[in-house]
PDB file of N, CA and C in Angstrom:
ATOM      1  N   MET A   1      13.871 -10.112  34.526  1.00  0.00           N
ATOM      2  CA  MET A   1      12.696  -8.850  34.944  1.00  0.00           C
ATOM      3  C   MET A   1      12.027  -8.117  33.865  1.00  0.00           C
ATOM      4  N   SER A   2      11.129  -8.037  34.110  1.00  0.00           N
ATOM      5  CA  SER A   2      10.114  -7.572  33.307  1.00  0.00           C
ATOM      6  C   SER A   2       9.838  -5.936  33.642  1.00  0.00           C
ATOM      7  N   ASN A   3       9.386  -5.916  32.600  1.00  0.00           N
ATOM      8  CA  ASN A   3       9.520  -4.279  32.028  1.00  0.00           C
ATOM      9  C   ASN A   3       7.505  -4.163  32.333  1.00  0.00           C
ATOM     10  N   TYR A   4       6.951  -2.690  33.035  1.00  0.00           N
ATOM     11  CA  TYR A   4       5.985  -2.467  32.809  1.00  0.00           C
ATOM     12  C   TYR A   4       5.550  -0.999  31.942  1.00  0.00           C
ATOM     13  N   LEU A   5       4.708  -0.924  31.353  1.00  0.00           N
ATOM     14  CA  LEU A   5       4.189   0.341  30.598  1.00  0.00           C
ATOM     15  C   LEU A   5       3.146   0.529  30.860  1.00  0.00           C
ATOM     16  N   MET A   6       2.564   1.673  30.758  1.00  0.00           N
ATOM     17  CA  MET A   6       1.207   2.713  30.739  1.00  0.00           C
ATOM     18  C   MET A   6       1.271   3.141  29.084  1.00  0.00           C
ATOM     19  N   VAL A   7      -0.210   2.388  28.645  1.00  0.00           N
ATOM     20  CA  VAL A   7      -0.328   3.756  27.811  1.00  0.00           C
ATOM     21  C   VAL A   7      -2.445   3.766  27.742  1.00  0.00           C
ATOM     22  N   VAL A   8      -2.413   4.996  27.475  1.00  0.00           N
ATOM     23  CA  VAL A   8      -4.485   5.483  27.338  1.00  0.00           C
ATOM     24  C   VAL A   8      -4.421   4.891  28.402  1.00  0.00           C
ATOM     25  N   HIS A   9      -4.330   4.841  30.003  1.00  0.00           N
ATOM     26  CA  HIS A   9      -5.429   4.128  30.870  1.00  0.00           C
ATOM     27  C   HIS A   9      -4.727   2.722  31.045  1.00  0.00           C
ATOM     28  N   ASN A  10      -4.024   1.721  30.204  1.00  0.00           N
ATOM     29  CA  ASN A  10      -3.614   0.713  30.385  1.00  0.00           C
ATOM     30  C   ASN A  10      -2.535   0.209  31.091  1.00  0.00           C
ATOM     31  N   VAL A  11      -2.373  -1.233  32.004  1.00  0.00           N
ATOM     32  CA  VAL A  11      -0.933  -1.614  32.077  1.00  0.00           C
ATOM     33  C   VAL A  11      -0.501  -2.660  31.530  1.00  0.00           C
ATOM     34  N   TYR A  12       0.920  -2.446  30.812  1.00  0.00           N
ATOM     35  CA  TYR A  12       1.229  -3.676  29.280  1.00  0.00           C
ATOM     36  C   TYR A  12       2.531  -3.999  30.616  1.00  0.00           C
ATOM     37  N   GLN A  13       2.704  -5.526  30.481  1.00  0.00           N
ATOM     38  CA  GLN A  13       4.193  -6.066  30.637  1.00  0.00           C
ATOM     39  C   GLN A  13       4.489  -6.812  29.307  1.00  0.00           C
ATOM     40  N   THR A  14       6.372  -6.842  29.462  1.00  0.00           N
ATOM     41  CA  THR A  14       6.569  -7.106  28.645  1.00  0.00           C
ATOM     42  C   THR A  14       6.551  -8.973  28.962  1.00  0.00           C
ATOM     43  N   LYS A  15       6.903  -9.648  27.450  1.00  0.00           N
ATOM     44  CA  LYS A  15       6.556 -11.075  27.814  1.00  0.00           C
ATOM     45  C   LYS A  15       8.313 -11.092  27.008  1.00  0.00           C
ATOM     46  N   TRP A  16       9.152 -10.724  26.330  1.00  0.00           N
ATOM     47  CA  TRP A  16      10.430 -10.799  26.064  1.00  0.00           C
ATOM     48  C   TRP A  16      10.846  -9.278  25.539  1.00  0.00           C
ATOM     49  N   TRP A  17      12.190  -9.031  25.445  1.00  0.00           N
ATOM     50  CA  TRP A  17      13.027  -7.821  25.094  1.00  0.00           C
ATOM     51  C   TRP A  17      12.270  -7.436  23.908  1.00  0.00           C
ATOM     52  N   THR A  18      11.479  -5.702  23.837  1.00  0.00           N
ATOM     53  CA  THR A  18      11.636  -5.245  22.790  1.00  0.00           C
ATOM     54  C   THR A  18      11.576  -3.849  23.158  1.00  0.00           C
ATOM     55  N   ARG A  19      11.828  -3.504  21.287  1.00  0.00           N
ATOM     56  CA  ARG A  19      12.192  -2.190  21.252  1.00  0.00           C
ATOM     57  C   ARG A  19      11.512  -1.804  19.983  1.00  0.00           C
ATOM     58  N   GLY A  20      10.820  -0.248  20.445  1.00  0.00           N
ATOM     59  CA  GLY A  20       9.814  -0.070  19.011  1.00  0.00           C
ATOM     60  C   GLY A  20       8.582  -0.628  18.895  1.00  0.00           C
ATOM     61  N   ASP A  21       8.025  -1.828  19.639  1.00  0.00           N
ATOM     62  CA  ASP A  21       6.954  -1.928  19.387  1.00  0.00           C
ATOM     63  C   ASP A  21       5.956  -1.763  20.921  1.00  0.00           C
ATOM     64  N   GLU A  22       5.177  -0.839  20.021  1.00  0.00           N
ATOM     65  CA  GLU A  22       3.759   0.194  21.042  1.00  0.00           C
ATOM     66  C   GLU A  22       3.016  -1.284  21.514  1.00  0.00           C
ATOM     67  N   PRO A  23       2.873  -1.452  22.291  1.00  0.00           N
ATOM     68  CA  PRO A  23       1.598  -2.241  22.998  1.00  0.00           C
ATOM     69  C   PRO A  23       0.086  -2.066  23.126  1.00  0.00           C
ATOM     70  N   ASN A  24       0.368  -1.052  22.485  1.00  0.00           N
ATOM     71  CA  ASN A  24      -1.534  -1.095  22.030  1.00  0.00           C
ATOM     72  C   ASN A  24      -1.775  -0.948  20.801  1.00  0.00           C
ATOM     73  N   VAL A  25      -0.902  -1.052  19.694  1.00  0.00           N
ATOM     74  CA  VAL A  25      -0.507  -1.712  18.226  1.00  0.00           C
ATOM     75  C   VAL A  25      -1.994  -2.744  18.418  1.00  0.00           C
ATOM     76  N   PRO A  26      -2.657  -2.826  17.182  1.00  0.00           N
ATOM     77  CA  PRO A  26      -3.891  -3.947  17.216  1.00  0.00           C
ATOM     78  C   PRO A  26      -3.125  -5.140  16.727  1.00  0.00           C
ATOM     79  N   LEU A  27      -3.167  -6.475  16.824  1.00  0.00           N
ATOM     80  CA  LEU A  27      -2.478  -7.634  17.025  1.00  0.00           C
ATOM     81  C   LEU A  27      -3.698  -8.644  17.532  1.00  0.00           C
ATOM     82  N   THR A  28      -3.756  -9.515  16.608  1.00  0.00           N
ATOM     83  CA  THR A  28      -5.163 -10.895  16.824  1.00  0.00           C
ATOM     84  C   THR A  28      -4.529 -11.691  17.278  1.00  0.00           C
ATOM     85  N   ASN A  29      -2.698 -11.785  16.668  1.00  0.00           N
ATOM     86  CA  ASN A  29      -2.520 -12.731  16.898  1.00  0.00           C
ATOM     87  C   ASN A  29      -1.195 -12.463  18.364  1.00  0.00           C
ATOM     88  N   SER A  30      -1.278 -13.011  19.338  1.00  0.00           N
ATOM     89  CA  SER A  30      -1.029 -12.485  20.907  1.00  0.00           C
ATOM     90  C   SER A  30       0.441 -13.500  20.793  1.00  0.00           C
ATOM     91  N   ASP A  31       0.352 -14.230  19.803  1.00  0.00           N
ATOM     92  CA  ASP A  31       2.131 -15.083  19.687  1.00  0.00           C
ATOM     93  C   ASP A  31       3.066 -13.672  19.129  1.00  0.00           C
ATOM     94  N   VAL A  32       2.750 -13.079  18.393  1.00  0.00           N
ATOM     95  CA  VAL A  32       3.904 -12.861  18.143  1.00  0.00           C
ATOM     96  C   VAL A  32       3.636 -10.855  18.753  1.00  0.00           C
ATOM     97  N   ASN A  33       2.941 -10.734  19.346  1.00  0.00           N
ATOM     98  CA  ASN A  33       2.809  -9.641  20.161  1.00  0.00           C
ATOM     99  C   ASN A  33       3.667 -10.082  22.227  1.00  0.00           C
ATOM    100  N   PRO A  34       4.951  -8.698  22.149  1.00  0.00           N
ATOM    101  CA  PRO A  34       5.875  -8.966  23.114  1.00  0.00           C
ATOM    102  C   PRO A  34       4.946  -8.544  24.395  1.00  0.00           C
ATOM    103  N   TRP A  35       4.311  -8.048  24.585  1.00  0.00           N
ATOM    104  CA  TRP A  35       2.971  -6.742  25.303  1.00  0.00           C
ATOM    105  C   TRP A  35       2.203  -7.957  25.740  1.00  0.00           C
ATOM    106  N   VAL A  36       1.590  -8.097  26.904  1.00  0.00           N
ATOM    107  CA  VAL A  36       0.356  -8.676  27.440  1.00  0.00           C
ATOM    108  C   VAL A  36      -0.352  -7.440  28.325  1.00  0.00           C
ATOM    109  N   LEU A  37      -1.244  -7.443  27.787  1.00  0.00           N
ATOM    110  CA  LEU A  37      -2.339  -6.630  28.694  1.00  0.00           C
ATOM    111  C   LEU A  37      -3.087  -7.139  30.148  1.00  0.00           C
ATOM    112  N   LEU A  38      -1.879  -6.119  31.269  1.00  0.00           N
ATOM    113  CA  LEU A  38      -2.519  -6.753  32.424  1.00  0.00           C
ATOM    114  C   LEU A  38      -3.592  -6.216  33.012  1.00  0.00           C
ATOM    115  N   GLY A  39      -4.327  -4.947  32.338  1.00  0.00           N
ATOM    116  CA  GLY A  39      -5.545  -3.701  32.418  1.00  0.00           C
ATOM    117  C   GLY A  39      -5.369  -2.602  33.060  1.00  0.00           C
ATOM    118  N   PRO A  40      -6.684  -2.182  33.256  1.00  0.00           N
ATOM    119  CA  PRO A  40      -6.893  -0.876  33.764  1.00  0.00           C
ATOM    120  C   PRO A  40      -6.221  -0.079  34.681  1.00  0.00           C
ATOM    121  N   VAL A  41      -5.748   0.832  34.864  1.00  0.00           N
ATOM    122  CA  VAL A  41      -4.957   1.448  35.918  1.00  0.00           C
ATOM    123  C   VAL A  41      -5.570   1.301  36.994  1.00  0.00           C
ATOM    124  N   LEU A  42      -6.786   2.420  37.144  1.00  0.00           N
ATOM    125  CA  LEU A  42      -7.661   2.782  38.384  1.00  0.00           C
ATOM    126  C   LEU A  42      -9.032   1.320  38.433  1.00  0.00           C
ATOM    127  N   LYS A  43      -9.218   1.445  39.530  1.00  0.00           N
ATOM    128  CA  LYS A  43     -10.233   0.552  39.939  1.00  0.00           C
ATOM    129  C   LYS A  43     -11.793   1.038  38.972  1.00  0.00           C
ATOM    130  N   GLY A  44     -12.086   0.153  38.572  1.00  0.00           N
ATOM    131  CA  GLY A  44     -13.324   0.407  38.110  1.00  0.00           C
ATOM    132  C   GLY A  44     -12.994   0.870  36.232  1.00  0.00           C
ATOM    133  N   GLU A  45     -12.124   1.319  35.823  1.00  0.00           N
ATOM    134  CA  GLU A  45     -11.958   1.793  34.524  1.00  0.00           C
ATOM    135  C   GLU A  45     -11.807   0.407  33.899  1.00  0.00           C
ATOM    136  N   LYS A  46     -12.146   0.431  32.846  1.00  0.00           N
ATOM    137  CA  LYS A  46     -11.749  -0.573  31.850  1.00  0.00           C
ATOM    138  C   LYS A  46     -10.844  -0.723  30.327  1.00  0.00           C
ATOM    139  N   PRO A  47     -10.469  -1.721  29.955  1.00  0.00           N
ATOM    140  CA  PRO A  47      -9.412  -1.766  28.933  1.00  0.00           C
ATOM    141  C   PRO A  47     -10.513  -0.772  28.156  1.00  0.00           C
ATOM    142  N   VAL A  48      -9.097  -0.022  27.280  1.00  0.00           N
ATOM    143  CA  VAL A  48      -9.457   0.310  25.833  1.00  0.00           C
ATOM    144  C   VAL A  48      -9.718  -0.951  24.802  1.00  0.00           C
ATOM    145  N   SER A  49     -10.700  -0.079  23.762  1.00  0.00           N
ATOM    146  CA  SER A  49     -10.474  -1.122  22.741  1.00  0.00           C
ATOM    147  C   SER A  49     -10.344  -1.106  21.773  1.00  0.00           C
ATOM    148  N   ILE A  50      -9.607  -1.392  20.858  1.00  0.00           N
ATOM    149  CA  ILE A  50      -8.671  -1.748  20.216  1.00  0.00           C
ATOM    150  C   ILE A  50      -9.331  -2.180  18.529  1.00  0.00           C
ATOM    151  N   PRO A  51      -9.384  -1.381  18.001  1.00  0.00           N
ATOM    152  CA  PRO A  51     -10.637  -1.570  17.107  1.00  0.00           C
ATOM    153  C   PRO A  51      -9.247  -2.369  15.845  1.00  0.00           C
ATOM    154  N   VAL A  52     -10.086  -3.822  15.051  1.00  0.00           N
ATOM    155  CA  VAL A  52      -9.718  -4.455  14.361  1.00  0.00           C
ATOM    156  C   VAL A  52     -10.355  -4.292  12.974  1.00  0.00           C
ATOM    157  N   LEU A  53      -9.389  -4.622  11.657  1.00  0.00           N
ATOM    158  CA  LEU A  53     -10.343  -4.863  10.801  1.00  0.00           C
ATOM    159  C   LEU A  53     -11.436  -5.795  10.020  1.00  0.00           C
ATOM    160  N   LYS A  54     -12.255  -5.469   9.402  1.00  0.00           N
ATOM    161  CA  LYS A  54     -13.237  -6.719   9.818  1.00  0.00           C
ATOM    162  C   LYS A  54     -12.645  -7.568   8.168  1.00  0.00           C
ATOM    163  N   ASP A  55     -13.284  -8.591   8.050  1.00  0.00           N
ATOM    164  CA  ASP A  55     -12.407 -10.235   7.470  1.00  0.00           C
ATOM    165  C   ASP A  55     -13.154  -9.237   6.289  1.00  0.00           C
ATOM    166  N   GLY A  56     -12.091  -9.698   5.015  1.00  0.00           N
ATOM    167  CA  GLY A  56     -12.406  -8.608   3.946  1.00  0.00           C
ATOM    168  C   GLY A  56     -12.620  -7.725   3.643  1.00  0.00           C
ATOM    169  N   THR A  57     -11.774  -6.539   4.333  1.00  0.00           N
ATOM    170  CA  THR A  57     -11.278  -5.432   4.092  1.00  0.00           C
ATOM    171  C   THR A  57     -10.479  -4.936   2.909  1.00  0.00           C
ATOM    172  N   TYR A  58      -9.415  -6.114   2.921  1.00  0.00           N
ATOM    173  CA  TYR A  58      -8.996  -5.735   1.945  1.00  0.00           C
ATOM    174  C   TYR A  58      -8.278  -7.397   1.760  1.00  0.00           C
ATOM    175  N   GLU A  59      -7.711  -7.241   0.397  1.00  0.00           N
ATOM    176  CA  GLU A  59      -7.545  -9.143   0.227  1.00  0.00           C
ATOM    177  C   GLU A  59      -6.473  -9.560   0.909  1.00  0.00           C
ATOM    178  N   SER A  60      -6.136 -10.749   1.590  1.00  0.00           N
ATOM    179  CA  SER A  60      -5.486 -11.674   2.029  1.00  0.00           C
ATOM    180  C   SER A  60      -4.137 -11.301   1.562  1.00  0.00           C
ATOM    181  N   TRP A  61      -3.154 -10.863   1.878  1.00  0.00           N
ATOM    182  CA  TRP A  61      -1.391 -11.292   1.424  1.00  0.00           C
ATOM    183  C   TRP A  61      -1.037 -12.533   0.725  1.00  0.00           C
ATOM    184  N   GLY A  62      -0.351 -12.260  -0.294  1.00  0.00           N
ATOM    185  CA  GLY A  62      -0.144 -13.365  -1.259  1.00  0.00           C
ATOM    186  C   GLY A  62       1.322 -13.611  -1.535  1.00  0.00           C
ATOM    187  N   ASN A  63       1.782 -14.682  -1.107  1.00  0.00           N
ATOM    188  CA  ASN A  63       3.384 -14.550  -1.926  1.00  0.00           C
ATOM    189  C   ASN A  63       3.959 -14.645  -2.641  1.00  0.00           C
ATOM    190  N   GLU A  64       2.856 -14.838  -4.172  1.00  0.00           N
ATOM    191  CA  GLU A  64       3.156 -14.631  -5.086  1.00  0.00           C
ATOM    192  C   GLU A  64       2.842 -13.920  -6.108  1.00  0.00           C
ATOM    193  N   LYS A  65       1.912 -13.016  -5.365  1.00  0.00           N
ATOM    194  CA  LYS A  65       1.905 -11.594  -5.594  1.00  0.00           C
ATOM    195  C   LYS A  65       2.775 -10.601  -5.482  1.00  0.00           C
ATOM    196  N   VAL A  66       2.910  -9.486  -6.752  1.00  0.00           N
ATOM    197  CA  VAL A  66       3.332  -8.319  -6.480  1.00  0.00           C
ATOM    198  C   VAL A  66       2.933  -7.180  -6.144  1.00  0.00           C
ATOM    199  N   TYR A  67       3.269  -6.344  -5.107  1.00  0.00           N
ATOM    200  CA  TYR A  67       2.463  -5.485  -4.662  1.00  0.00           C
ATOM    201  C   TYR A  67       3.685  -3.875  -4.788  1.00  0.00           C
ATOM    202  N   LYS A  68       2.996  -3.154  -4.921  1.00  0.00           N
ATOM    203  CA  LYS A  68       3.592  -1.704  -4.969  1.00  0.00           C
ATOM    204  C   LYS A  68       2.821  -0.854  -4.071  1.00  0.00           C
ATOM    205  N   ALA A  69       4.013   0.361  -3.991  1.00  0.00           N
ATOM    206  CA  ALA A  69       3.744   1.071  -2.470  1.00  0.00           C
ATOM    207  C   ALA A  69       2.739   2.061  -2.471  1.00  0.00           C
ATOM    208  N   GLY A  70       2.143   1.922  -1.182  1.00  0.00           N
ATOM    209  CA  GLY A  70       0.469   1.933  -1.359  1.00  0.00           C
ATOM    210  C   GLY A  70      -0.712   1.031  -1.079  1.00  0.00           C
ATOM    211  N   ASP A  71      -0.288  -0.150  -1.520  1.00  0.00           N
ATOM    212  CA  ASP A  71      -0.755  -1.200  -1.707  1.00  0.00           C
ATOM    213  C   ASP A  71      -1.599  -1.726  -0.332  1.00  0.00           C
ATOM    214  N   HIS A  72      -2.618  -2.087   0.458  1.00  0.00           N
ATOM    215  CA  HIS A  72      -3.091  -2.707   1.243  1.00  0.00           C
ATOM    216  C   HIS A  72      -3.670  -4.021   1.380  1.00  0.00           C
ATOM    217  N   VAL A  73      -2.837  -4.860   2.316  1.00  0.00           N
ATOM    218  CA  VAL A  73      -3.469  -6.383   2.557  1.00  0.00           C
ATOM    219  C   VAL A  73      -3.960  -6.612   4.202  1.00  0.00           C
ATOM    220  N   MET A  74      -4.619  -8.145   4.238  1.00  0.00           N
ATOM    221  CA  MET A  74      -4.591  -8.693   5.370  1.00  0.00           C
ATOM    222  C   MET A  74      -3.631  -9.385   5.518  1.00  0.00           C
ATOM    223  N   VAL A  75      -3.144  -9.958   6.616  1.00  0.00           N
ATOM    224  CA  VAL A  75      -3.071 -11.537   7.731  1.00  0.00           C
ATOM    225  C   VAL A  75      -3.811 -11.359   8.469  1.00  0.00           C
ATOM    226  N   ARG A  76      -4.796 -12.302   8.952  1.00  0.00           N
ATOM    227  CA  ARG A  76      -5.605 -12.369   9.818  1.00  0.00           C
ATOM    228  C   ARG A  76      -6.442 -11.007   9.752  1.00  0.00           C
ATOM    229  N   SER A  77      -6.811 -10.515  11.017  1.00  0.00           N
ATOM    230  CA  SER A  77      -7.024  -9.108  11.068  1.00  0.00           C
ATOM    231  C   SER A  77      -6.337  -7.794  11.040  1.00  0.00           C
ATOM    232  N   ASN A  78      -4.987  -8.084  10.857  1.00  0.00           N
ATOM    233  CA  ASN A  78      -4.492  -6.611  11.055  1.00  0.00           C
ATOM    234  C   ASN A  78      -4.046  -6.253   9.468  1.00  0.00           C
ATOM    235  N   GLY A  79      -4.060  -5.207   9.211  1.00  0.00           N
ATOM    236  CA  GLY A  79      -3.845  -4.334   7.966  1.00  0.00           C
ATOM    237  C   GLY A  79      -2.739  -4.482   8.142  1.00  0.00           C
ATOM    238  N   TYR A  80      -1.841  -4.281   6.349  1.00  0.00           N
ATOM    239  CA  TYR A  80      -1.068  -4.021   6.397  1.00  0.00           C
ATOM    240  C   TYR A  80      -0.629  -2.591   5.100  1.00  0.00           C
ATOM    241  N   VAL A  81       0.290  -1.846   5.269  1.00  0.00           N
ATOM    242  CA  VAL A  81       0.547  -1.217   3.833  1.00  0.00           C
ATOM    243  C   VAL A  81       1.491  -1.008   3.348  1.00  0.00           C
ATOM    244  N   ALA A  82       1.835  -1.180   1.777  1.00  0.00           N
ATOM    245  CA  ALA A  82       3.241  -1.553   1.317  1.00  0.00           C
ATOM    246  C   ALA A  82       3.622   0.082   1.657  1.00  0.00           C
ATOM    247  N   LYS A  83       4.979   0.230   1.524  1.00  0.00           N
ATOM    248  CA  LYS A  83       6.032   1.238   1.518  1.00  0.00           C
ATOM    249  C   LYS A  83       6.224   1.054   0.025  1.00  0.00           C
ATOM    250  N   TRP A  84       7.146   0.064  -0.235  1.00  0.00           N
ATOM    251  CA  TRP A  84       7.400   0.172  -1.513  1.00  0.00           C
ATOM    252  C   TRP A  84       7.441  -1.484  -2.335  1.00  0.00           C
ATOM    253  N   TRP A  85       7.923  -1.122  -3.677  1.00  0.00           N
ATOM    254  CA  TRP A  85       7.282  -2.501  -4.224  1.00  0.00           C
ATOM    255  C   TRP A  85       7.999  -3.700  -3.894  1.00  0.00           C
ATOM    256  N   ASN A  86       7.570  -4.760  -4.042  1.00  0.00           N
ATOM    257  CA  ASN A  86       7.666  -6.308  -3.477  1.00  0.00           C
ATOM    258  C   ASN A  86       6.975  -7.205  -3.782  1.00  0.00           C
ATOM    259  N   GLN A  87       7.733  -9.307  -3.511  1.00  0.00           N
ATOM    260  CA  GLN A  87       7.120  -9.453  -3.581  1.00  0.00           C
ATOM    261  C   GLN A  87       7.521 -10.836  -2.341  1.00  0.00           C
ATOM    262  N   GLY A  88       6.786 -11.599  -2.010  1.00  0.00           N
ATOM    263  CA  GLY A  88       6.902 -12.217  -1.530  1.00  0.00           C
ATOM    264  C   GLY A  88       7.713 -12.087   0.134  1.00  0.00           C
ATOM    265  N   GLU A  89       7.677 -11.273   0.603  1.00  0.00           N
ATOM    266  CA  GLU A  89       7.812 -10.494   1.773  1.00  0.00           C
ATOM    267  C   GLU A  89       6.724 -10.398   2.467  1.00  0.00           C
ATOM    268  N   THR A  90       6.472 -11.535   3.665  1.00  0.00           N
ATOM    269  CA  THR A  90       5.645 -11.136   4.290  1.00  0.00           C
ATOM    270  C   THR A  90       4.943  -9.915   4.744  1.00  0.00           C
ATOM    271  N   PRO A  91       3.899  -9.177   5.299  1.00  0.00           N
ATOM    272  CA  PRO A  91       3.670  -7.884   5.598  1.00  0.00           C
ATOM    273  C   PRO A  91       4.036  -8.124   7.496  1.00  0.00           C
ATOM    274  N   GLU A  92       3.875  -9.515   7.993  1.00  0.00           N
ATOM    275  CA  GLU A  92       4.491  -9.755   9.255  1.00  0.00           C
ATOM    276  C   GLU A  92       5.451  -9.544   9.674  1.00  0.00           C
ATOM    277  N   LYS A  93       6.696  -9.295   8.843  1.00  0.00           N
ATOM    278  CA  LYS A  93       7.478  -9.042   9.331  1.00  0.00           C
ATOM    279  C   LYS A  93       7.917  -7.356   9.797  1.00  0.00           C
ATOM    280  N   ALA A  94       6.975  -6.555   9.573  1.00  0.00           N
ATOM    281  CA  ALA A  94       6.757  -4.917   9.968  1.00  0.00           C
ATOM    282  C   ALA A  94       6.254  -5.343  11.138  1.00  0.00           C
ATOM    283  N   ILE A  95       6.304  -6.363  12.156  1.00  0.00           N
ATOM    284  CA  ILE A  95       6.150  -6.340  13.294  1.00  0.00           C
ATOM    285  C   ILE A  95       7.480  -6.388  13.998  1.00  0.00           C
ATOM    286  N   ILE A  96       8.208  -7.166  13.646  1.00  0.00           N
ATOM    287  CA  ILE A  96       9.556  -7.750  13.852  1.00  0.00           C
ATOM    288  C   ILE A  96      10.298  -6.888  13.492  1.00  0.00           C
ATOM    289  N   ASN A  97      10.723  -6.142  12.846  1.00  0.00           N
ATOM    290  CA  ASN A  97      11.650  -5.687  11.580  1.00  0.00           C
ATOM    291  C   ASN A  97      11.318  -4.681  10.970  1.00  0.00           C
ATOM    292  N   PRO A  98      10.108  -3.279  11.570  1.00  0.00           N
ATOM    293  CA  PRO A  98       9.883  -2.739  10.737  1.00  0.00           C
ATOM    294  C   PRO A  98      10.708  -1.988   9.749  1.00  0.00           C
ATOM    295  N   ASN A  99      12.274  -1.355  10.195  1.00  0.00           N
ATOM    296  CA  ASN A  99      12.624  -0.876   9.100  1.00  0.00           C
ATOM    297  C   ASN A  99      13.260  -1.559   8.230  1.00  0.00           C
ATOM    298  N   ASP A 100      13.369  -2.430   8.088  1.00  0.00           N
ATOM    299  CA  ASP A 100      13.581  -3.343   6.764  1.00  0.00           C
ATOM    300  C   ASP A 100      12.436  -4.068   5.915  1.00  0.00           C
ATOM    301  N   SER A 101      11.339  -4.167   6.122  1.00  0.00           N
ATOM    302  CA  SER A 101      10.567  -4.582   5.916  1.00  0.00           C
ATOM    303  C   SER A 101       9.467  -3.335   5.008  1.00  0.00           C
ATOM    304  N   PRO A 102       9.358  -3.911   3.729  1.00  0.00           N
ATOM    305  CA  PRO A 102       8.152  -3.172   2.860  1.00  0.00           C
ATOM    306  C   PRO A 102       7.192  -2.740   2.558  1.00  0.00           C
ATOM    307  N   TRP A 103       6.605  -3.247   4.149  1.00  0.00           N
ATOM    308  CA  TRP A 103       5.369  -3.172   4.892  1.00  0.00           C
ATOM    309  C   TRP A 103       4.935  -2.450   6.386  1.00  0.00           C
ATOM    310  N   ARG A 104       4.242  -1.197   6.492  1.00  0.00           N
ATOM    311  CA  ARG A 104       4.226  -1.126   7.945  1.00  0.00           C
ATOM    312  C   ARG A 104       2.695  -1.310   8.336  1.00  0.00           C
ATOM    313  N   GLN A 105       2.252  -1.912   9.494  1.00  0.00           N
ATOM    314  CA  GLN A 105       1.300  -1.920   9.577  1.00  0.00           C
ATOM    315  C   GLN A 105       0.377  -0.493   9.613  1.00  0.00           C
ATOM    316  N   MET A 106      -0.766  -0.770   9.939  1.00  0.00           N
ATOM    317  CA  MET A 106      -1.821   0.348   9.772  1.00  0.00           C
ATOM    318  C   MET A 106      -2.006   0.911  11.431  1.00  0.00           C
ATOM    319  N   THR A 107      -1.960   1.971  11.254  1.00  0.00           N
ATOM    320  CA  THR A 107      -2.377   2.626  12.658  1.00  0.00           C
ATOM    321  C   THR A 107      -3.819   2.357  12.998  1.00  0.00           C
ATOM    322  N   GLU A 108      -4.260   2.787  14.358  1.00  0.00           N
ATOM    323  CA  GLU A 108      -5.382   2.744  14.939  1.00  0.00           C
ATOM    324  C   GLU A 108      -6.380   4.074  14.293  1.00  0.00           C
ATOM    325  N   SER A 109      -5.863   5.230  14.184  1.00  0.00           N
ATOM    326  CA  SER A 109      -6.670   5.717  13.764  1.00  0.00           C
ATOM    327  C   SER A 109      -6.861   5.879  11.970  1.00  0.00           C
ATOM    328  N   GLU A 110      -5.878   5.102  10.858  1.00  0.00           N
ATOM    329  CA  GLU A 110      -6.559   4.857  10.279  1.00  0.00           C
ATOM    330  C   GLU A 110      -7.439   3.467  10.264  1.00  0.00           C
ATOM    331  N   ILE A 111      -7.246   2.554  10.789  1.00  0.00           N
ATOM    332  CA  ILE A 111      -8.218   1.389  11.090  1.00  0.00           C
ATOM    333  C   ILE A 111      -9.849   2.131  11.775  1.00  0.00           C
ATOM    334  N   ILE A 112      -9.748   2.994  12.286  1.00  0.00           N
ATOM    335  CA  ILE A 112     -10.831   3.953  12.771  1.00  0.00           C
ATOM    336  C   ILE A 112     -11.707   3.953  11.643  1.00  0.00           C
ATOM    337  N   GLU A 113     -10.856   5.070  10.499  1.00  0.00           N
ATOM    338  CA  GLU A 113     -11.514   5.866   9.196  1.00  0.00           C
ATOM    339  C   GLU A 113     -11.973   4.605   8.282  1.00  0.00           C
ATOM    340  N   VAL A 114     -11.014   3.277   8.502  1.00  0.00           N
ATOM    341  CA  VAL A 114     -11.869   2.168   7.176  1.00  0.00           C
ATOM    342  C   VAL A 114     -13.367   1.961   8.003  1.00  0.00           C
ATOM    343  N   LEU A 115     -12.839   1.900   9.208  1.00  0.00           N
ATOM    344  CA  LEU A 115     -14.282   1.012   9.710  1.00  0.00           C
ATOM    345  C   LEU A 115     -15.390   2.307   9.669  1.00  0.00           C
ATOM    346  N   LYS A 116     -15.215   3.538   9.765  1.00  0.00           N
ATOM    347  CA  LYS A 116     -16.146   3.848   9.002  1.00  0.00           C
ATOM    348  C   LYS A 116     -17.367   4.138   7.860  1.00  0.00           C
ATOM    349  N   LYS A 117     -16.422   3.684   6.877  1.00  0.00           N
ATOM    350  CA  LYS A 117     -16.549   3.867   5.466  1.00  0.00           C
ATOM    351  C   LYS A 117     -17.631   2.537   5.140  1.00  0.00           C
TER     352      LYS A 117
END
C-alpha cells in the first residue's frame, strides 16, 4: 500500500516504509530517498525547487579524517554537519538513522544561507 503526502504544494508517494524522513529534504541520490515526487497539487503549479550545495562548498567526507562538532562536509551535493566527534562514520547514516548518527543533514534554510554567500 502506497502512502501519499502533500508538502509545499507538491505531492509525494512513498517507495517503501519510512518514518521521520522529510520528502522535501534535498537529496541528489534518489536511491536513498524513500519518497518520489509525483508533482504539483493544482493544475498549472510547478514543483518547488529544492536548493542544493555547489560542488566544493565544503570538503568531501573522508573515512580516515577526524571530525568534531560543527564541522561541515559534503557527500555528492548533500551537506552535513557533525553533531559530535567522529571518525569513519558516514554522513549518509543521518538519512537512515538520524538519532544514532554523529551527523545531521543541513536544512533547506542553512543551504539557502550558504548559497547567498
